Amino acid sequence: MAAPVDLELKKAFTELQAKVIDTQQKVKLADIQIEQLNRTKKHAHLTDTEIMTLVDETNMYEGVGRMFILQSKEAIHNQLLEKQKIAEEKIKELEDTLRGWPDSPPWNTSL
């Protein structure tokens, strides 16, 4: 009688362990993505800050693949603001996803 119960418990424990490992991997991946997006956002902000110190009529080159395209200061400024906005939205989305997981580790509840 005890053998079937032990097998059921062992099976349930194994499934729970797999679920915990899967969730930990997802949390780690989300944290890595958030870090990368924060770096992208900061880089865009710093670049924009430097660009704004230049004269308004300054033309700049934007790197696209292996070539450079001549752009106005305003166009580059708008692209950097858009990049920051997109990064913020993705960070918020990832943080909401982390909060939404019912079995996320307790150390991520403060997000």
Protein backbone atom coordinates (compact mmCIF):
# COMPACT_ATOMS: atom_id res chain seq x y z
CA MET A 1 0.00 0.00 0.00
CA ALA A 2 2.85 2.39 0.78
CA ALA A 3 4.63 1.72 -2.52
CA PRO A 4 1.95 3.32 -4.78
CA VAL A 5 1.78 6.39 -2.54
CA ASP A 6 5.58 6.71 -2.62
CA LEU A 7 5.57 6.49 -6.42
CA GLU A 8 2.88 9.17 -6.68
CA LEU A 9 4.77 11.44 -4.29
CA LYS A 10 8.00 10.88 -6.16
CA LYS A 11 6.33 11.64 -9.48
CA ALA A 12 4.70 14.80 -8.10
CA PHE A 13 7.99 15.93 -6.57
CA THR A 14 9.85 15.35 -9.83
CA GLU A 15 7.26 17.38 -11.76
CA LEU A 16 7.45 20.17 -9.22
CA GLN A 17 11.23 20.17 -9.38
CA ALA A 18 11.14 20.43 -13.18
CA LYS A 19 8.66 23.29 -12.94
CA VAL A 20 10.87 25.15 -10.44
CA ILE A 21 13.94 24.74 -12.64
CA ASP A 22 11.99 25.94 -15.69
CA THR A 23 10.71 28.99 -13.81
CA GLN A 24 14.18 29.83 -12.49
CA GLN A 25 15.54 29.71 -16.04
CA LYS A 26 12.75 31.99 -17.27
CA VAL A 27 13.37 34.46 -14.44
CA LYS A 28 17.11 34.47 -15.13
CA LEU A 29 16.48 35.06 -18.85
CA ALA A 30 14.06 37.91 -18.09
CA ASP A 31 16.60 39.49 -15.72
CA ILE A 32 19.29 39.31 -18.40
CA GLN A 33 16.95 40.89 -20.94
CA ILE A 34 16.07 43.68 -18.49
CA GLU A 35 19.77 44.38 -17.88
CA GLN A 36 20.45 44.55 -21.62
CA LEU A 37 17.49 46.87 -22.19
CA ASN A 38 18.66 49.12 -19.35
CA ARG A 39 22.09 49.32 -20.98
CA THR A 40 20.53 50.15 -24.34
CA LYS A 41 18.35 52.84 -22.75
CA LYS A 42 21.30 54.36 -20.90
CA HIS A 43 23.48 54.33 -24.02
CA ALA A 44 20.76 56.07 -26.04
CA HIS A 45 20.28 58.65 -23.28
CA LEU A 46 23.99 59.42 -23.00
CA THR A 47 24.35 59.68 -26.77
CA ASP A 48 21.33 61.98 -26.95
CA THR A 49 22.75 64.16 -24.17
CA GLU A 50 26.00 64.58 -26.09
CA ILE A 51 24.22 65.25 -29.37
CA MET A 52 22.06 67.97 -27.81
CA THR A 53 25.20 69.98 -26.96
CA LEU A 54 25.95 70.40 -30.69
CA VAL A 55 24.69 73.20 -32.93
CA ASP A 56 21.21 72.56 -34.38
CA GLU A 57 22.39 72.67 -38.02
CA THR A 58 24.92 69.90 -37.43
CA ASN A 59 24.59 66.94 -39.76
CA MET A 60 25.59 63.54 -38.44
CA TYR A 61 26.21 60.08 -39.76
CA GLU A 62 24.10 57.17 -38.61
CA GLY A 63 25.61 53.72 -38.81
CA VAL A 64 23.41 51.28 -40.73
CA GLY A 65 24.96 47.89 -41.22
CA ARG A 66 28.24 48.48 -43.01
CA MET A 67 27.42 51.97 -44.24
CA PHE A 68 26.75 55.41 -42.84
CA ILE A 69 23.81 57.62 -43.72
CA LEU A 70 23.91 61.40 -43.42
CA GLN A 71 21.12 62.53 -41.06
CA SER A 72 20.11 65.77 -39.39
CA LYS A 73 20.58 66.28 -35.67
CA GLU A 74 16.80 66.30 -35.18
CA ALA A 75 16.37 62.92 -36.93
CA ILE A 76 19.05 61.30 -34.79
CA HIS A 77 17.55 62.89 -31.65
CA ASN A 78 14.11 61.49 -32.50
CA GLN A 79 15.53 58.02 -33.17
CA LEU A 80 17.33 58.00 -29.82
CA LEU A 81 14.19 59.10 -27.97
CA GLU A 82 12.23 56.35 -29.72
CA LYS A 83 14.88 53.78 -28.78
CA GLN A 84 14.64 54.86 -25.12
CA LYS A 85 10.84 54.69 -25.20
CA ILE A 86 10.82 51.20 -26.73
CA ALA A 87 13.37 49.96 -24.16
CA GLU A 88 11.26 51.35 -21.30
CA GLU A 89 8.14 49.65 -22.65
CA LYS A 90 9.90 46.30 -23.01
CA ILE A 91 11.36 46.57 -19.50
CA LYS A 92 7.91 47.28 -18.08
CA GLU A 93 6.47 44.35 -20.03
CA LEU A 94 9.15 41.98 -18.72
CA GLU A 95 8.70 43.18 -15.14
CA ASP A 96 4.93 42.69 -15.43
CA THR A 97 5.55 39.19 -16.74
CA LEU A 98 7.81 38.44 -13.79
CA ARG A 99 5.18 39.67 -11.34
CA GLY A 100 2.51 37.63 -13.11
CA TRP A 101 4.18 34.27 -12.62
CA PRO A 102 2.47 32.62 -9.66
CA ASP A 103 5.40 30.39 -8.87
CA SER A 104 8.15 32.97 -9.25
CA PRO A 105 10.76 32.97 -6.50
CA PRO A 106 10.08 35.23 -3.52
CA TRP A 107 13.13 37.40 -4.21
CA ASN A 108 11.42 38.77 -7.36
CA THR A 109 8.21 39.96 -5.71
CA SER A 110 9.68 43.41 -5.07
CA LEU A 111 9.89 44.27 -8.79
